Amino acid sequence: MTAKLNPKRIQKSAAREWVESIVIAFVLAMFIRTFFIQAFKIPSGSMIPTLVIGDRLMVNKLRYGPKLTVRYGGKILFTMKRLPGFSKPQRGDIIVFVYPEDPKRDFIKRLIAFGGESVEIREGDIYINGRRIDEPEVKKNYYYNRGNYGMEGQIVKVPEGYVYVLGDNSASSHDSRFWGFVPQENIIGRAEFIYWPFDRLRFLE
């Protein structure tokens, strides 16, 4: 005797498998986004010529060690301790971080100085603890004396546990010169490469 198949049961089974597949894909995507890599789109010209408006790039969270931050309504509700990474932030890295004055926004700038170091902008060059920085990633840009933390003749001391960041397009960048320092715990990850538009596909330095 041959058993009859119930069409309604088949439909329910197919629908359940479809929903389960979507849930698994969503959880996997969120896991990757939280702990490994995340896509960002450049909204401003503060990093020109390195990054231009509309560039889409991948940010490596695993490099410095991933952390989970839950934000809602501009407030940080929960932050997990940073897991161990395979390297530490380096001077000249392009980093994405939670903007200290507005936790709803993520900024991207170039890391210039660490806690305990003194920073001076002199004739377009960066001086750290009195020594001119010659790293090519930093040296290639001309930096202007602007804001409360970047005035001419001013030497700024970066507090411990913070970093000082600048945009490559110094004439048009809202960065540490104006609003101060970034807590290291606010760093999300290192910008690794541009993946779109296709003609700008490249690794970042």
C-alpha atoms as a PDB file:
ATOM      1  CA  MET A   1       0.000   0.000   0.000  1.00  0.00           C
ATOM      2  CA  THR A   2       1.465   3.364  -1.054  1.00  0.00           C
ATOM      3  CA  ALA A   3       1.297   6.243   1.442  1.00  0.00           C
ATOM      4  CA  LYS A   4      -0.173   9.469   0.134  1.00  0.00           C
ATOM      5  CA  LEU A   5       1.880  12.639   0.458  1.00  0.00           C
ATOM      6  CA  ASN A   6       0.213  15.563   2.179  1.00  0.00           C
ATOM      7  CA  PRO A   7       0.750  18.730   0.038  1.00  0.00           C
ATOM      8  CA  LYS A   8       0.224  21.006   3.054  1.00  0.00           C
ATOM      9  CA  ARG A   9       2.845  19.134   5.055  1.00  0.00           C
ATOM     10  CA  ILE A  10       5.300  19.375   2.153  1.00  0.00           C
ATOM     11  CA  GLN A  11       4.688  23.135   1.903  1.00  0.00           C
ATOM     12  CA  LYS A  12       5.219  23.597   5.649  1.00  0.00           C
ATOM     13  CA  SER A  13       8.443  21.585   5.517  1.00  0.00           C
ATOM     14  CA  ALA A  14       9.768  23.601   2.581  1.00  0.00           C
ATOM     15  CA  ALA A  15       8.846  26.877   4.286  1.00  0.00           C
ATOM     16  CA  ARG A  16      10.555  25.780   7.494  1.00  0.00           C
ATOM     17  CA  GLU A  17      13.766  24.873   5.637  1.00  0.00           C
ATOM     18  CA  TRP A  18      13.670  28.220   3.845  1.00  0.00           C
ATOM     19  CA  VAL A  19      13.288  30.148   7.113  1.00  0.00           C
ATOM     20  CA  GLU A  20      16.023  28.102   8.796  1.00  0.00           C
ATOM     21  CA  SER A  21      18.390  28.815   5.888  1.00  0.00           C
ATOM     22  CA  ILE A  22      17.728  32.547   6.160  1.00  0.00           C
ATOM     23  CA  VAL A  23      18.263  32.543   9.937  1.00  0.00           C
ATOM     24  CA  ILE A  24      21.534  30.585   9.633  1.00  0.00           C
ATOM     25  CA  ALA A  25      22.782  32.909   6.868  1.00  0.00           C
ATOM     26  CA  PHE A  26      21.871  35.966   8.967  1.00  0.00           C
ATOM     27  CA  VAL A  27      23.605  34.644  12.084  1.00  0.00           C
ATOM     28  CA  LEU A  28      26.697  33.726  10.056  1.00  0.00           C
ATOM     29  CA  ALA A  29      26.783  37.149   8.389  1.00  0.00           C
ATOM     30  CA  MET A  30      26.451  38.919  11.754  1.00  0.00           C
ATOM     31  CA  PHE A  31      29.190  36.735  13.228  1.00  0.00           C
ATOM     32  CA  ILE A  32      31.561  37.601  10.372  1.00  0.00           C
ATOM     33  CA  ARG A  33      30.617  41.298  10.549  1.00  0.00           C
ATOM     34  CA  THR A  34      31.145  41.430  14.308  1.00  0.00           C
ATOM     35  CA  PHE A  35      34.388  39.508  14.620  1.00  0.00           C
ATOM     36  CA  PHE A  36      36.175  39.446  11.279  1.00  0.00           C
ATOM     37  CA  ILE A  37      35.496  42.012   8.555  1.00  0.00           C
ATOM     38  CA  GLN A  38      33.005  44.764   7.812  1.00  0.00           C
ATOM     39  CA  ALA A  39      32.190  46.862   4.759  1.00  0.00           C
ATOM     40  CA  PHE A  40      32.194  50.675   4.949  1.00  0.00           C
ATOM     41  CA  LYS A  41      31.338  53.432   2.485  1.00  0.00           C
ATOM     42  CA  ILE A  42      33.278  56.699   2.451  1.00  0.00           C
ATOM     43  CA  PRO A  43      30.849  59.630   2.955  1.00  0.00           C
ATOM     44  CA  SER A  44      33.245  62.604   2.806  1.00  0.00           C
ATOM     45  CA  GLY A  45      36.432  63.887   1.230  1.00  0.00           C
ATOM     46  CA  SER A  46      38.507  64.031   4.427  1.00  0.00           C
ATOM     47  CA  MET A  47      40.851  61.253   3.250  1.00  0.00           C
ATOM     48  CA  ILE A  48      41.406  62.455  -0.335  1.00  0.00           C
ATOM     49  CA  PRO A  49      43.430  61.387  -2.321  1.00  0.00           C
ATOM     50  CA  THR A  50      43.760  58.040  -0.499  1.00  0.00           C
ATOM     51  CA  LEU A  51      39.992  57.598  -0.262  1.00  0.00           C
ATOM     52  CA  VAL A  52      37.325  59.459  -2.211  1.00  0.00           C
ATOM     53  CA  ILE A  53      33.589  59.880  -1.675  1.00  0.00           C
ATOM     54  CA  GLY A  54      31.771  56.694  -2.618  1.00  0.00           C
ATOM     55  CA  ASP A  55      34.699  54.329  -2.124  1.00  0.00           C
ATOM     56  CA  ARG A  56      33.609  51.059  -0.533  1.00  0.00           C
ATOM     57  CA  LEU A  57      36.203  49.319   1.567  1.00  0.00           C
ATOM     58  CA  MET A  58      36.716  46.366   3.853  1.00  0.00           C
ATOM     59  CA  VAL A  59      37.775  46.913   7.447  1.00  0.00           C
ATOM     60  CA  ASN A  60      39.672  44.137   9.186  1.00  0.00           C
ATOM     61  CA  LYS A  61      38.466  43.743  12.779  1.00  0.00           C
ATOM     62  CA  LEU A  62      40.517  40.643  13.473  1.00  0.00           C
ATOM     63  CA  ARG A  63      43.862  42.431  13.053  1.00  0.00           C
ATOM     64  CA  TYR A  64      43.600  44.426  16.303  1.00  0.00           C
ATOM     65  CA  GLY A  65      41.218  42.012  18.006  1.00  0.00           C
ATOM     66  CA  PRO A  66      37.431  42.145  17.540  1.00  0.00           C
ATOM     67  CA  LYS A  67      34.998  43.481  20.108  1.00  0.00           C
ATOM     68  CA  LEU A  68      31.228  43.634  20.226  1.00  0.00           C
ATOM     69  CA  THR A  69      29.624  47.026  20.804  1.00  0.00           C
ATOM     70  CA  VAL A  70      25.858  47.391  20.934  1.00  0.00           C
ATOM     71  CA  ARG A  71      24.671  50.931  20.183  1.00  0.00           C
ATOM     72  CA  TYR A  72      21.147  52.300  20.321  1.00  0.00           C
ATOM     73  CA  GLY A  73      19.900  55.860  20.042  1.00  0.00           C
ATOM     74  CA  GLY A  74      23.408  57.249  20.127  1.00  0.00           C
ATOM     75  CA  LYS A  75      24.269  55.445  23.354  1.00  0.00           C
ATOM     76  CA  ILE A  76      26.566  52.485  23.863  1.00  0.00           C
ATOM     77  CA  LEU A  77      24.481  49.866  25.673  1.00  0.00           C
ATOM     78  CA  PHE A  78      27.015  47.082  25.863  1.00  0.00           C
ATOM     79  CA  THR A  79      30.682  46.621  24.996  1.00  0.00           C
ATOM     80  CA  MET A  80      32.555  43.343  25.100  1.00  0.00           C
ATOM     81  CA  LYS A  81      36.231  43.327  25.973  1.00  0.00           C
ATOM     82  CA  ARG A  82      38.487  43.227  22.932  1.00  0.00           C
ATOM     83  CA  LEU A  83      39.639  39.745  21.979  1.00  0.00           C
ATOM     84  CA  PRO A  84      43.335  39.199  21.186  1.00  0.00           C
ATOM     85  CA  GLY A  85      44.366  40.287  17.679  1.00  0.00           C
ATOM     86  CA  PHE A  86      47.353  39.251  15.605  1.00  0.00           C
ATOM     87  CA  SER A  87      48.906  42.754  15.572  1.00  0.00           C
ATOM     88  CA  LYS A  88      48.645  46.138  17.246  1.00  0.00           C
ATOM     89  CA  PRO A  89      47.753  49.499  15.688  1.00  0.00           C
ATOM     90  CA  GLN A  90      50.727  51.077  13.946  1.00  0.00           C
ATOM     91  CA  ARG A  91      51.519  54.680  13.148  1.00  0.00           C
ATOM     92  CA  GLY A  92      50.211  55.441   9.678  1.00  0.00           C
ATOM     93  CA  ASP A  93      47.401  52.855   9.772  1.00  0.00           C
ATOM     94  CA  ILE A  94      44.061  53.947   8.355  1.00  0.00           C
ATOM     95  CA  ILE A  95      41.592  53.119  11.104  1.00  0.00           C
ATOM     96  CA  VAL A  96      37.826  53.147  11.514  1.00  0.00           C
ATOM     97  CA  PHE A  97      36.596  54.131  14.968  1.00  0.00           C
ATOM     98  CA  VAL A  98      33.533  55.209  16.906  1.00  0.00           C
ATOM     99  CA  TYR A  99      33.490  59.013  16.853  1.00  0.00           C
ATOM    100  CA  PRO A 100      34.014  60.103  20.500  1.00  0.00           C
ATOM    101  CA  GLU A 101      31.537  63.003  20.279  1.00  0.00           C
ATOM    102  CA  ASP A 102      28.750  60.993  18.629  1.00  0.00           C
ATOM    103  CA  PRO A 103      28.682  57.200  19.205  1.00  0.00           C
ATOM    104  CA  LYS A 104      26.150  56.819  16.372  1.00  0.00           C
ATOM    105  CA  ARG A 105      28.829  57.690  13.822  1.00  0.00           C
ATOM    106  CA  ASP A 106      31.946  55.882  12.644  1.00  0.00           C
ATOM    107  CA  PHE A 107      34.916  57.914  11.400  1.00  0.00           C
ATOM    108  CA  ILE A 108      37.922  56.950   9.306  1.00  0.00           C
ATOM    109  CA  LYS A 109      41.290  58.698   9.702  1.00  0.00           C
ATOM    110  CA  ARG A 110      45.008  57.972   9.765  1.00  0.00           C
ATOM    111  CA  LEU A 111      46.601  57.087  13.101  1.00  0.00           C
ATOM    112  CA  ILE A 112      49.334  59.590  13.922  1.00  0.00           C
ATOM    113  CA  ALA A 113      50.280  59.305  17.593  1.00  0.00           C
ATOM    114  CA  PHE A 114      49.741  57.121  20.657  1.00  0.00           C
ATOM    115  CA  GLY A 115      49.127  57.826  24.334  1.00  0.00           C
ATOM    116  CA  GLY A 116      52.136  59.383  26.049  1.00  0.00           C
ATOM    117  CA  GLU A 117      53.489  60.931  22.854  1.00  0.00           C
ATOM    118  CA  SER A 118      53.630  64.647  22.051  1.00  0.00           C
ATOM    119  CA  VAL A 119      52.454  65.907  18.658  1.00  0.00           C
ATOM    120  CA  GLU A 120      53.345  69.080  16.811  1.00  0.00           C
ATOM    121  CA  ILE A 121      52.380  70.197  13.313  1.00  0.00           C
ATOM    122  CA  ARG A 122      55.179  72.315  11.909  1.00  0.00           C
ATOM    123  CA  GLU A 123      55.320  73.637   8.343  1.00  0.00           C
ATOM    124  CA  GLY A 124      53.143  70.797   7.088  1.00  0.00           C
ATOM    125  CA  ASP A 125      55.114  68.030   8.793  1.00  0.00           C
ATOM    126  CA  ILE A 126      54.284  65.966  11.882  1.00  0.00           C
ATOM    127  CA  TYR A 127      56.713  65.893  14.799  1.00  0.00           C
ATOM    128  CA  ILE A 128      56.385  63.197  17.459  1.00  0.00           C
ATOM    129  CA  ASN A 129      58.340  63.832  20.675  1.00  0.00           C
ATOM    130  CA  GLY A 130      60.321  66.450  18.764  1.00  0.00           C
ATOM    131  CA  ARG A 131      61.287  64.130  15.874  1.00  0.00           C
ATOM    132  CA  ARG A 132      59.907  64.630  12.383  1.00  0.00           C
ATOM    133  CA  ILE A 133      57.921  61.658  11.131  1.00  0.00           C
ATOM    134  CA  ASP A 134      59.312  60.267   7.882  1.00  0.00           C
ATOM    135  CA  GLU A 135      57.020  57.255   7.459  1.00  0.00           C
ATOM    136  CA  PRO A 136      55.833  57.529   3.829  1.00  0.00           C
ATOM    137  CA  GLU A 137      52.148  57.064   4.707  1.00  0.00           C
ATOM    138  CA  VAL A 138      52.295  60.154   6.931  1.00  0.00           C
ATOM    139  CA  LYS A 139      55.003  62.134   5.184  1.00  0.00           C
ATOM    140  CA  LYS A 140      53.171  62.207   1.838  1.00  0.00           C
ATOM    141  CA  ASN A 141      50.522  64.589   3.218  1.00  0.00           C
ATOM    142  CA  TYR A 142      50.760  68.276   4.064  1.00  0.00           C
ATOM    143  CA  TYR A 143      49.139  69.006   7.442  1.00  0.00           C
ATOM    144  CA  TYR A 144      47.701  72.417   8.281  1.00  0.00           C
ATOM    145  CA  ASN A 145      47.690  74.134  11.660  1.00  0.00           C
ATOM    146  CA  ARG A 146      44.022  74.187  12.608  1.00  0.00           C
ATOM    147  CA  GLY A 147      41.764  73.775  15.643  1.00  0.00           C
ATOM    148  CA  ASN A 148      42.389  73.720  19.383  1.00  0.00           C
ATOM    149  CA  TYR A 149      44.736  70.709  19.169  1.00  0.00           C
ATOM    150  CA  GLY A 150      46.782  71.648  16.125  1.00  0.00           C
ATOM    151  CA  MET A 151      47.643  75.326  16.338  1.00  0.00           C
ATOM    152  CA  GLU A 152      50.956  76.679  15.104  1.00  0.00           C
ATOM    153  CA  GLY A 153      53.669  76.282  17.733  1.00  0.00           C
ATOM    154  CA  GLN A 154      51.424  74.100  19.895  1.00  0.00           C
ATOM    155  CA  ILE A 155      52.718  70.795  21.277  1.00  0.00           C
ATOM    156  CA  VAL A 156      49.885  68.449  22.185  1.00  0.00           C
ATOM    157  CA  LYS A 157      50.340  65.580  24.660  1.00  0.00           C
ATOM    158  CA  VAL A 158      48.192  62.536  23.868  1.00  0.00           C
ATOM    159  CA  PRO A 159      46.678  61.015  27.041  1.00  0.00           C
ATOM    160  CA  GLU A 160      47.430  57.389  27.871  1.00  0.00           C
ATOM    161  CA  GLY A 161      44.889  55.042  26.362  1.00  0.00           C
ATOM    162  CA  TYR A 162      44.095  57.402  23.483  1.00  0.00           C
ATOM    163  CA  VAL A 163      45.327  58.043  19.937  1.00  0.00           C
ATOM    164  CA  TYR A 164      45.630  61.158  17.766  1.00  0.00           C
ATOM    165  CA  VAL A 165      44.251  60.901  14.232  1.00  0.00           C
ATOM    166  CA  LEU A 166      44.332  63.100  11.124  1.00  0.00           C
ATOM    167  CA  GLY A 167      42.720  63.054   7.708  1.00  0.00           C
ATOM    168  CA  ASP A 168      44.931  62.902   4.621  1.00  0.00           C
ATOM    169  CA  ASN A 169      43.017  65.856   3.170  1.00  0.00           C
ATOM    170  CA  SER A 170      44.212  68.129   5.944  1.00  0.00           C
ATOM    171  CA  ALA A 171      42.671  71.291   4.472  1.00  0.00           C
ATOM    172  CA  SER A 172      39.209  69.709   4.749  1.00  0.00           C
ATOM    173  CA  SER A 173      39.221  67.192   7.572  1.00  0.00           C
ATOM    174  CA  HIS A 174      37.400  67.274  10.898  1.00  0.00           C
ATOM    175  CA  ASP A 175      39.913  65.364  13.000  1.00  0.00           C
ATOM    176  CA  SER A 176      41.908  65.375  16.254  1.00  0.00           C
ATOM    177  CA  ARG A 177      43.052  68.934  15.624  1.00  0.00           C
ATOM    178  CA  PHE A 178      39.490  70.061  16.354  1.00  0.00           C
ATOM    179  CA  TRP A 179      37.943  67.592  18.792  1.00  0.00           C
ATOM    180  CA  GLY A 180      40.882  65.896  20.485  1.00  0.00           C
ATOM    181  CA  PHE A 181      41.659  62.232  21.008  1.00  0.00           C
ATOM    182  CA  VAL A 182      40.175  58.814  20.282  1.00  0.00           C
ATOM    183  CA  PRO A 183      39.967  56.233  23.081  1.00  0.00           C
ATOM    184  CA  GLN A 184      41.789  53.130  21.884  1.00  0.00           C
ATOM    185  CA  GLU A 185      38.752  51.064  22.860  1.00  0.00           C
ATOM    186  CA  ASN A 186      36.782  52.995  20.188  1.00  0.00           C
ATOM    187  CA  ILE A 187      38.909  51.569  17.377  1.00  0.00           C
ATOM    188  CA  ILE A 188      36.866  49.185  15.242  1.00  0.00           C
ATOM    189  CA  GLY A 189      39.557  47.973  12.867  1.00  0.00           C
ATOM    190  CA  ARG A 190      42.045  48.714  10.101  1.00  0.00           C
ATOM    191  CA  ALA A 191      40.919  49.654   6.592  1.00  0.00           C
ATOM    192  CA  GLU A 192      42.526  47.037   4.339  1.00  0.00           C
ATOM    193  CA  PHE A 193      41.377  47.511   0.741  1.00  0.00           C
ATOM    194  CA  ILE A 194      38.943  49.251  -1.585  1.00  0.00           C
ATOM    195  CA  TYR A 195      36.646  46.769  -3.307  1.00  0.00           C
ATOM    196  CA  TRP A 196      34.424  49.221  -5.205  1.00  0.00           C
ATOM    197  CA  PRO A 197      34.356  50.962  -7.649  1.00  0.00           C
ATOM    198  CA  PHE A 198      36.227  48.339  -9.593  1.00  0.00           C
ATOM    199  CA  ASP A 199      38.666  50.796 -11.199  1.00  0.00           C
ATOM    200  CA  ARG A 200      39.834  51.813  -7.696  1.00  0.00           C
ATOM    201  CA  LEU A 201      40.365  48.267  -6.451  1.00  0.00           C
ATOM    202  CA  ARG A 202      43.518  48.338  -4.289  1.00  0.00           C
ATOM    203  CA  PHE A 203      45.077  47.578  -0.916  1.00  0.00           C
ATOM    204  CA  LEU A 204      45.477  50.569   1.393  1.00  0.00           C
ATOM    205  CA  GLU A 205      48.663  51.917   2.917  1.00  0.00           C
END
